[in-house]
PDB file of N, CA and C in Angstrom:
ATOM      1  N   MET A   1      79.381 -55.825  22.795  1.00  0.00           N
ATOM      2  CA  MET A   1      80.081 -55.893  21.548  1.00  0.00           C
ATOM      3  C   MET A   1      81.562 -55.690  21.812  1.00  0.00           C
ATOM      4  N   LEU A   2      82.377 -56.401  21.099  1.00  0.00           N
ATOM      5  CA  LEU A   2      83.815 -56.318  21.304  1.00  0.00           C
ATOM      6  C   LEU A   2      84.438 -55.331  20.326  1.00  0.00           C
ATOM      7  N   VAL A   3      84.382 -54.059  20.680  1.00  0.00           N
ATOM      8  CA  VAL A   3      85.027 -53.022  19.896  1.00  0.00           C
ATOM      9  C   VAL A   3      85.886 -52.189  20.833  1.00  0.00           C
ATOM     10  N   LYS A   4      86.829 -51.501  20.265  1.00  0.00           N
ATOM     11  CA  LYS A   4      87.745 -50.705  21.070  1.00  0.00           C
ATOM     12  C   LYS A   4      86.997 -49.569  21.754  1.00  0.00           C
ATOM     13  N   GLY A   5      87.206 -49.437  23.044  1.00  0.00           N
ATOM     14  CA  GLY A   5      86.577 -48.360  23.804  1.00  0.00           C
ATOM     15  C   GLY A   5      85.219 -48.707  24.376  1.00  0.00           C
ATOM     16  N   HIS A   6      84.682 -49.885  24.063  1.00  0.00           N
ATOM     17  CA  HIS A   6      83.381 -50.295  24.594  1.00  0.00           C
ATOM     18  C   HIS A   6      83.571 -50.948  25.960  1.00  0.00           C
ATOM     19  N   ILE A   7      82.824 -50.488  26.940  1.00  0.00           N
ATOM     20  CA  ILE A   7      82.927 -51.007  28.299  1.00  0.00           C
ATOM     21  C   ILE A   7      81.736 -51.917  28.563  1.00  0.00           C
ATOM     22  N   VAL A   8      82.028 -53.124  29.052  1.00  0.00           N
ATOM     23  CA  VAL A   8      80.981 -54.082  29.368  1.00  0.00           C
ATOM     24  C   VAL A   8      80.658 -53.942  30.847  1.00  0.00           C
ATOM     25  N   ASN A   9      79.410 -53.651  31.155  1.00  0.00           N
ATOM     26  CA  ASN A   9      78.976 -53.520  32.546  1.00  0.00           C
ATOM     27  C   ASN A   9      78.104 -54.704  32.908  1.00  0.00           C
ATOM     28  N   MET A  10      78.474 -55.375  33.997  1.00  0.00           N
ATOM     29  CA  MET A  10      77.639 -56.462  34.506  1.00  0.00           C
ATOM     30  C   MET A  10      76.943 -55.966  35.759  1.00  0.00           C
ATOM     31  N   ARG A  11      75.687 -56.289  35.881  1.00  0.00           N
ATOM     32  CA  ARG A  11      74.945 -55.884  37.067  1.00  0.00           C
ATOM     33  C   ARG A  11      75.460 -56.625  38.288  1.00  0.00           C
ATOM     34  N   LYS A  12      75.162 -56.064  39.447  1.00  0.00           N
ATOM     35  CA  LYS A  12      75.657 -56.642  40.700  1.00  0.00           C
ATOM     36  C   LYS A  12      75.102 -58.035  40.960  1.00  0.00           C
ATOM     37  N   ILE A  13      73.906 -58.323  40.466  1.00  0.00           N
ATOM     38  CA  ILE A  13      73.303 -59.634  40.710  1.00  0.00           C
ATOM     39  C   ILE A  13      74.157 -60.740  40.091  1.00  0.00           C
ATOM     40  N   TYR A  14      74.781 -60.468  38.954  1.00  0.00           N
ATOM     41  CA  TYR A  14      75.620 -61.475  38.322  1.00  0.00           C
ATOM     42  C   TYR A  14      76.895 -61.714  39.130  1.00  0.00           C
ATOM     43  N   TRP A  15      77.440 -60.662  39.729  1.00  0.00           N
ATOM     44  CA  TRP A  15      78.617 -60.829  40.587  1.00  0.00           C
ATOM     45  C   TRP A  15      78.250 -61.571  41.859  1.00  0.00           C
ATOM     46  N   VAL A  16      77.032 -61.338  42.362  1.00  0.00           N
ATOM     47  CA  VAL A  16      76.570 -62.064  43.550  1.00  0.00           C
ATOM     48  C   VAL A  16      76.343 -63.537  43.216  1.00  0.00           C
ATOM     49  N   LEU A  17      75.846 -63.818  42.028  1.00  0.00           N
ATOM     50  CA  LEU A  17      75.656 -65.204  41.594  1.00  0.00           C
ATOM     51  C   LEU A  17      76.979 -65.921  41.350  1.00  0.00           C
ATOM     52  N   LEU A  18      78.017 -65.157  41.030  1.00  0.00           N
ATOM     53  CA  LEU A  18      79.310 -65.762  40.729  1.00  0.00           C
ATOM     54  C   LEU A  18      79.896 -66.497  41.935  1.00  0.00           C
ATOM     55  N   ILE A  19      79.690 -65.970  43.131  1.00  0.00           N
ATOM     56  CA  ILE A  19      80.292 -66.565  44.331  1.00  0.00           C
ATOM     57  C   ILE A  19      79.752 -67.967  44.616  1.00  0.00           C
ATOM     58  N   PRO A  20      78.428 -68.174  44.719  1.00  0.00           N
ATOM     59  CA  PRO A  20      77.974 -69.548  44.970  1.00  0.00           C
ATOM     60  C   PRO A  20      78.262 -70.503  43.821  1.00  0.00           C
ATOM     61  N   ILE A  21      78.204 -70.010  42.592  1.00  0.00           N
ATOM     62  CA  ILE A  21      78.529 -70.870  41.451  1.00  0.00           C
ATOM     63  C   ILE A  21      79.995 -71.259  41.507  1.00  0.00           C
ATOM     64  N   TYR A  22      80.860 -70.312  41.880  1.00  0.00           N
ATOM     65  CA  TYR A  22      82.295 -70.605  42.001  1.00  0.00           C
ATOM     66  C   TYR A  22      82.554 -71.643  43.094  1.00  0.00           C
ATOM     67  N   ILE A  23      81.861 -71.532  44.208  1.00  0.00           N
ATOM     68  CA  ILE A  23      82.044 -72.490  45.301  1.00  0.00           C
ATOM     69  C   ILE A  23      81.626 -73.890  44.866  1.00  0.00           C
ATOM     70  N   VAL A  24      80.489 -73.995  44.203  1.00  0.00           N
ATOM     71  CA  VAL A  24      80.011 -75.312  43.756  1.00  0.00           C
ATOM     72  C   VAL A  24      80.941 -75.900  42.698  1.00  0.00           C
ATOM     73  N   VAL A  25      81.354 -75.086  41.747  1.00  0.00           N
ATOM     74  CA  VAL A  25      82.240 -75.574  40.686  1.00  0.00           C
ATOM     75  C   VAL A  25      83.594 -75.972  41.260  1.00  0.00           C
ATOM     76  N   SER A  26      84.144 -75.178  42.195  1.00  0.00           N
ATOM     77  CA  SER A  26      85.433 -75.538  42.792  1.00  0.00           C
ATOM     78  C   SER A  26      85.333 -76.822  43.590  1.00  0.00           C
ATOM     79  N   TYR A  27      84.263 -76.973  44.351  1.00  0.00           N
ATOM     80  CA  TYR A  27      84.078 -78.215  45.106  1.00  0.00           C
ATOM     81  C   TYR A  27      84.018 -79.408  44.157  1.00  0.00           C
ATOM     82  N   ASN A  28      83.266 -79.250  43.091  1.00  0.00           N
ATOM     83  CA  ASN A  28      83.142 -80.324  42.110  1.00  0.00           C
ATOM     84  C   ASN A  28      84.494 -80.647  41.476  1.00  0.00           C
ATOM     85  N   ASN A  29      85.240 -79.615  41.108  1.00  0.00           N
ATOM     86  CA  ASN A  29      86.538 -79.848  40.468  1.00  0.00           C
ATOM     87  C   ASN A  29      87.553 -80.451  41.427  1.00  0.00           C
ATOM     88  N   ILE A  30      87.597 -79.969  42.658  1.00  0.00           N
ATOM     89  CA  ILE A  30      88.618 -80.435  43.595  1.00  0.00           C
ATOM     90  C   ILE A  30      88.333 -81.855  44.075  1.00  0.00           C
ATOM     91  N   PHE A  31      87.084 -82.121  44.460  1.00  0.00           N
ATOM     92  CA  PHE A  31      86.800 -83.397  45.112  1.00  0.00           C
ATOM     93  C   PHE A  31      86.270 -84.484  44.172  1.00  0.00           C
ATOM     94  N   LEU A  32      85.626 -84.105  43.106  1.00  0.00           N
ATOM     95  CA  LEU A  32      85.015 -85.127  42.251  1.00  0.00           C
ATOM     96  C   LEU A  32      85.758 -85.316  40.928  1.00  0.00           C
ATOM     97  N   ASP A  33      86.052 -84.226  40.234  1.00  0.00           N
ATOM     98  CA  ASP A  33      86.677 -84.364  38.917  1.00  0.00           C
ATOM     99  C   ASP A  33      88.174 -84.659  39.007  1.00  0.00           C
ATOM    100  N   TRP A  34      88.908 -83.806  39.700  1.00  0.00           N
ATOM    101  CA  TRP A  34      90.361 -83.957  39.762  1.00  0.00           C
ATOM    102  C   TRP A  34      90.802 -84.871  40.899  1.00  0.00           C
ATOM    103  N   GLN A  35      89.956 -85.076  41.884  1.00  0.00           N
ATOM    104  CA  GLN A  35      90.233 -85.913  43.066  1.00  0.00           C
ATOM    105  C   GLN A  35      91.562 -85.536  43.713  1.00  0.00           C
ATOM    106  N   LEU A  36      91.682 -84.259  44.046  1.00  0.00           N
ATOM    107  CA  LEU A  36      92.922 -83.755  44.624  1.00  0.00           C
ATOM    108  C   LEU A  36      93.111 -84.158  46.078  1.00  0.00           C
ATOM    109  N   GLN A  37      92.068 -84.689  46.713  1.00  0.00           N
ATOM    110  CA  GLN A  37      92.211 -85.093  48.109  1.00  0.00           C
ATOM    111  C   GLN A  37      93.154 -86.287  48.245  1.00  0.00           C
ATOM    112  N   TYR A  38      93.415 -87.000  47.160  1.00  0.00           N
ATOM    113  CA  TYR A  38      94.311 -88.145  47.215  1.00  0.00           C
ATOM    114  C   TYR A  38      95.770 -87.768  47.001  1.00  0.00           C
ATOM    115  N   SER A  39      96.020 -86.531  46.606  1.00  0.00           N
ATOM    116  CA  SER A  39      97.407 -86.089  46.435  1.00  0.00           C
ATOM    117  C   SER A  39      97.798 -85.192  47.602  1.00  0.00           C
ATOM    118  N   GLY A  40      99.057 -85.077  47.839  1.00  0.00           N
ATOM    119  CA  GLY A  40      99.536 -84.282  48.966  1.00  0.00           C
ATOM    120  C   GLY A  40      99.767 -82.841  48.571  1.00  0.00           C
ATOM    121  N   VAL A  41     100.239 -82.065  49.531  1.00  0.00           N
ATOM    122  CA  VAL A  41     100.593 -80.673  49.266  1.00  0.00           C
ATOM    123  C   VAL A  41     102.024 -80.422  49.749  1.00  0.00           C
ATOM    124  N   THR A  42     102.873 -81.399  49.563  1.00  0.00           N
ATOM    125  CA  THR A  42     104.244 -81.287  50.049  1.00  0.00           C
ATOM    126  C   THR A  42     105.174 -80.656  49.031  1.00  0.00           C
ATOM    127  N   GLU A  43     104.820 -80.658  47.790  1.00  0.00           N
ATOM    128  CA  GLU A  43     105.686 -80.117  46.748  1.00  0.00           C
ATOM    129  C   GLU A  43     105.037 -78.908  46.105  1.00  0.00           C
ATOM    130  N   ALA A  44     105.828 -78.105  45.458  1.00  0.00           N
ATOM    131  CA  ALA A  44     105.315 -76.915  44.768  1.00  0.00           C
ATOM    132  C   ALA A  44     104.397 -77.312  43.619  1.00  0.00           C
ATOM    133  N   GLU A  45     104.644 -78.460  43.030  1.00  0.00           N
ATOM    134  CA  GLU A  45     103.806 -78.937  41.930  1.00  0.00           C
ATOM    135  C   GLU A  45     102.373 -79.190  42.404  1.00  0.00           C
ATOM    136  N   ASP A  46     102.235 -79.744  43.613  1.00  0.00           N
ATOM    137  CA  ASP A  46     100.901 -80.003  44.156  1.00  0.00           C
ATOM    138  C   ASP A  46     100.165 -78.694  44.447  1.00  0.00           C
ATOM    139  N   PHE A  47     100.880 -77.729  45.002  1.00  0.00           N
ATOM    140  CA  PHE A  47     100.277 -76.428  45.265  1.00  0.00           C
ATOM    141  C   PHE A  47      99.870 -75.752  43.955  1.00  0.00           C
ATOM    142  N   GLY A  48     100.709 -75.862  42.943  1.00  0.00           N
ATOM    143  CA  GLY A  48     100.393 -75.296  41.639  1.00  0.00           C
ATOM    144  C   GLY A  48      99.169 -75.946  41.019  1.00  0.00           C
ATOM    145  N   ARG A  49      98.997 -77.239  41.273  1.00  0.00           N
ATOM    146  CA  ARG A  49      97.817 -77.936  40.771  1.00  0.00           C
ATOM    147  C   ARG A  49      96.550 -77.360  41.405  1.00  0.00           C
ATOM    148  N   TYR A  50      96.595 -77.097  42.727  1.00  0.00           N
ATOM    149  CA  TYR A  50      95.440 -76.486  43.404  1.00  0.00           C
ATOM    150  C   TYR A  50      95.136 -75.105  42.838  1.00  0.00           C
ATOM    151  N   VAL A  51      96.164 -74.301  42.629  1.00  0.00           N
ATOM    152  CA  VAL A  51      95.970 -72.963  42.071  1.00  0.00           C
ATOM    153  C   VAL A  51      95.396 -73.053  40.665  1.00  0.00           C
ATOM    154  N   PHE A  52      95.900 -73.985  39.874  1.00  0.00           N
ATOM    155  CA  PHE A  52      95.399 -74.169  38.511  1.00  0.00           C
ATOM    156  C   PHE A  52      93.926 -74.568  38.522  1.00  0.00           C
ATOM    157  N   VAL A  53      93.558 -75.492  39.394  1.00  0.00           N
ATOM    158  CA  VAL A  53      92.163 -75.953  39.454  1.00  0.00           C
ATOM    159  C   VAL A  53      91.253 -74.818  39.916  1.00  0.00           C
ATOM    160  N   LEU A  54      91.697 -74.005  40.862  1.00  0.00           N
ATOM    161  CA  LEU A  54      90.873 -72.888  41.326  1.00  0.00           C
ATOM    162  C   LEU A  54      90.718 -71.821  40.249  1.00  0.00           C
ATOM    163  N   CYS A  55      91.780 -71.555  39.494  1.00  0.00           N
ATOM    164  CA  CYS A  55      91.671 -70.598  38.381  1.00  0.00           C
ATOM    165  C   CYS A  55      90.752 -71.136  37.286  1.00  0.00           C
ATOM    166  N   LEU A  56      90.865 -72.408  37.019  1.00  0.00           N
ATOM    167  CA  LEU A  56      89.990 -73.044  36.045  1.00  0.00           C
ATOM    168  C   LEU A  56      88.530 -73.001  36.505  1.00  0.00           C
ATOM    169  N   SER A  57      88.311 -73.184  37.802  1.00  0.00           N
ATOM    170  CA  SER A  57      86.964 -73.115  38.355  1.00  0.00           C
ATOM    171  C   SER A  57      86.391 -71.713  38.218  1.00  0.00           C
ATOM    172  N   PHE A  58      87.222 -70.694  38.420  1.00  0.00           N
ATOM    173  CA  PHE A  58      86.746 -69.315  38.250  1.00  0.00           C
ATOM    174  C   PHE A  58      86.354 -69.063  36.802  1.00  0.00           C
ATOM    175  N   CYS A  59      87.153 -69.547  35.869  1.00  0.00           N
ATOM    176  CA  CYS A  59      86.826 -69.368  34.448  1.00  0.00           C
ATOM    177  C   CYS A  59      85.525 -70.082  34.093  1.00  0.00           C
ATOM    178  N   GLN A  60      85.346 -71.291  34.607  1.00  0.00           N
ATOM    179  CA  GLN A  60      84.102 -72.021  34.360  1.00  0.00           C
ATOM    180  C   GLN A  60      82.910 -71.271  34.941  1.00  0.00           C
ATOM    181  N   SER A  61      83.056 -70.748  36.142  1.00  0.00           N
ATOM    182  CA  SER A  61      81.970 -70.011  36.789  1.00  0.00           C
ATOM    183  C   SER A  61      81.614 -68.771  35.993  1.00  0.00           C
ATOM    184  N   PHE A  62      82.630 -68.080  35.506  1.00  0.00           N
ATOM    185  CA  PHE A  62      82.378 -66.881  34.729  1.00  0.00           C
ATOM    186  C   PHE A  62      81.670 -67.214  33.417  1.00  0.00           C
ATOM    187  N   ILE A  63      82.030 -68.334  32.809  1.00  0.00           N
ATOM    188  CA  ILE A  63      81.347 -68.761  31.583  1.00  0.00           C
ATOM    189  C   ILE A  63      79.884 -69.091  31.880  1.00  0.00           C
ATOM    190  N   TYR A  64      79.626 -69.744  33.017  1.00  0.00           N
ATOM    191  CA  TYR A  64      78.240 -70.029  33.401  1.00  0.00           C
ATOM    192  C   TYR A  64      77.450 -68.744  33.595  1.00  0.00           C
ATOM    193  N   ILE A  65      78.073 -67.738  34.205  1.00  0.00           N
ATOM    194  CA  ILE A  65      77.412 -66.449  34.399  1.00  0.00           C
ATOM    195  C   ILE A  65      77.106 -65.806  33.048  1.00  0.00           C
ATOM    196  N   LEU A  66      78.033 -65.881  32.116  1.00  0.00           N
ATOM    197  CA  LEU A  66      77.785 -65.317  30.791  1.00  0.00           C
ATOM    198  C   LEU A  66      76.652 -66.045  30.074  1.00  0.00           C
ATOM    199  N   ILE A  67      76.564 -67.349  30.249  1.00  0.00           N
ATOM    200  CA  ILE A  67      75.463 -68.111  29.645  1.00  0.00           C
ATOM    201  C   ILE A  67      74.137 -67.712  30.287  1.00  0.00           C
ATOM    202  N   ILE A  68      74.127 -67.558  31.604  1.00  0.00           N
ATOM    203  CA  ILE A  68      72.906 -67.116  32.298  1.00  0.00           C
ATOM    204  C   ILE A  68      72.504 -65.737  31.808  1.00  0.00           C
ATOM    205  N   ARG A  69      73.480 -64.851  31.667  1.00  0.00           N
ATOM    206  CA  ARG A  69      73.187 -63.499  31.187  1.00  0.00           C
ATOM    207  C   ARG A  69      72.629 -63.521  29.767  1.00  0.00           C
ATOM    208  N   LEU A  70      73.163 -64.384  28.919  1.00  0.00           N
ATOM    209  CA  LEU A  70      72.665 -64.506  27.550  1.00  0.00           C
ATOM    210  C   LEU A  70      71.231 -65.003  27.536  1.00  0.00           C
ATOM    211  N   VAL A  71      70.929 -66.017  28.352  1.00  0.00           N
ATOM    212  CA  VAL A  71      69.565 -66.558  28.408  1.00  0.00           C
ATOM    213  C   VAL A  71      68.584 -65.503  28.909  1.00  0.00           C
ATOM    214  N   VAL A  72      68.973 -64.768  29.939  1.00  0.00           N
ATOM    215  CA  VAL A  72      68.092 -63.726  30.480  1.00  0.00           C
ATOM    216  C   VAL A  72      67.843 -62.640  29.437  1.00  0.00           C
ATOM    217  N   SER A  73      68.877 -62.215  28.736  1.00  0.00           N
ATOM    218  CA  SER A  73      68.680 -61.178  27.723  1.00  0.00           C
ATOM    219  C   SER A  73      67.827 -61.676  26.565  1.00  0.00           C
ATOM    220  N   LEU A  74      67.989 -62.943  26.180  1.00  0.00           N
ATOM    221  CA  LEU A  74      67.132 -63.491  25.119  1.00  0.00           C
ATOM    222  C   LEU A  74      65.686 -63.581  25.557  1.00  0.00           C
ATOM    223  N   LEU A  75      65.455 -63.999  26.794  1.00  0.00           N
ATOM    224  CA  LEU A  75      64.079 -64.066  27.299  1.00  0.00           C
ATOM    225  C   LEU A  75      63.456 -62.682  27.384  1.00  0.00           C
ATOM    226  N   LYS A  76      64.225 -61.692  27.827  1.00  0.00           N
ATOM    227  CA  LYS A  76      63.711 -60.323  27.870  1.00  0.00           C
ATOM    228  C   LYS A  76      63.353 -59.837  26.472  1.00  0.00           C
ATOM    229  N   TYR A  77      64.189 -60.159  25.500  1.00  0.00           N
ATOM    230  CA  TYR A  77      63.938 -59.751  24.127  1.00  0.00           C
ATOM    231  C   TYR A  77      62.676 -60.417  23.581  1.00  0.00           C
ATOM    232  N   ILE A  78      62.519 -61.705  23.843  1.00  0.00           N
ATOM    233  CA  ILE A  78      61.353 -62.442  23.349  1.00  0.00           C
ATOM    234  C   ILE A  78      60.075 -61.909  23.977  1.00  0.00           C
ATOM    235  N   PHE A  79      60.103 -61.694  25.299  1.00  0.00           N
ATOM    236  CA  PHE A  79      58.899 -61.203  25.970  1.00  0.00           C
ATOM    237  C   PHE A  79      58.567 -59.767  25.580  1.00  0.00           C
ATOM    238  N   SER A  80      59.571 -58.944  25.313  1.00  0.00           N
ATOM    239  CA  SER A  80      59.283 -57.581  24.870  1.00  0.00           C
ATOM    240  C   SER A  80      58.689 -57.588  23.461  1.00  0.00           C
ATOM    241  N   LYS A  81      59.134 -58.511  22.614  1.00  0.00           N
ATOM    242  CA  LYS A  81      58.567 -58.633  21.269  1.00  0.00           C
ATOM    243  C   LYS A  81      57.105 -59.060  21.346  1.00  0.00           C
ATOM    244  N   LYS A  82      56.781 -60.003  22.255  1.00  0.00           N
ATOM    245  CA  LYS A  82      55.407 -60.475  22.399  1.00  0.00           C
ATOM    246  C   LYS A  82      54.499 -59.369  22.917  1.00  0.00           C
ATOM    247  N   GLN A  83      55.002 -58.576  23.861  1.00  0.00           N
ATOM    248  CA  GLN A  83      54.199 -57.474  24.394  1.00  0.00           C
ATOM    249  C   GLN A  83      53.948 -56.418  23.337  1.00  0.00           C
ATOM    250  N   ASN A  84      54.948 -56.100  22.533  1.00  0.00           N
ATOM    251  CA  ASN A  84      54.788 -55.099  21.494  1.00  0.00           C
ATOM    252  C   ASN A  84      53.850 -55.563  20.390  1.00  0.00           C
ATOM    253  N   SER A  85      53.864 -56.842  20.070  1.00  0.00           N
ATOM    254  CA  SER A  85      52.993 -57.357  19.012  1.00  0.00           C
ATOM    255  C   SER A  85      51.545 -57.505  19.478  1.00  0.00           C
ATOM    256  N   SER A  86      51.337 -57.748  20.773  1.00  0.00           N
ATOM    257  CA  SER A  86      49.969 -57.905  21.263  1.00  0.00           C
ATOM    258  C   SER A  86      49.298 -56.571  21.557  1.00  0.00           C
ATOM    259  N   SER A  87      50.054 -55.492  21.658  1.00  0.00           N
ATOM    260  CA  SER A  87      49.478 -54.164  21.946  1.00  0.00           C
ATOM    261  C   SER A  87      48.832 -53.534  20.762  1.00  0.00           C
TER     262      SER A  87
END
């Protein structure tokens, strides 16, 4: 919940999942979506483009992790409801 003083804790498994998801998303963004291999790195603008794409890839990866976390929590909630109703 987004209230003042509330601390959001993510389990370590989500941070471990973030690394491979970040690698796949960055590879996809650099080589397939943005096709940065066709541009050079001779100017500061080109370097800034790489930094921008990597930051964007991190944000995308983090959003994917949040979606995974939401799905897992919903499944846990659904299965706990089924167990409580069948008991």
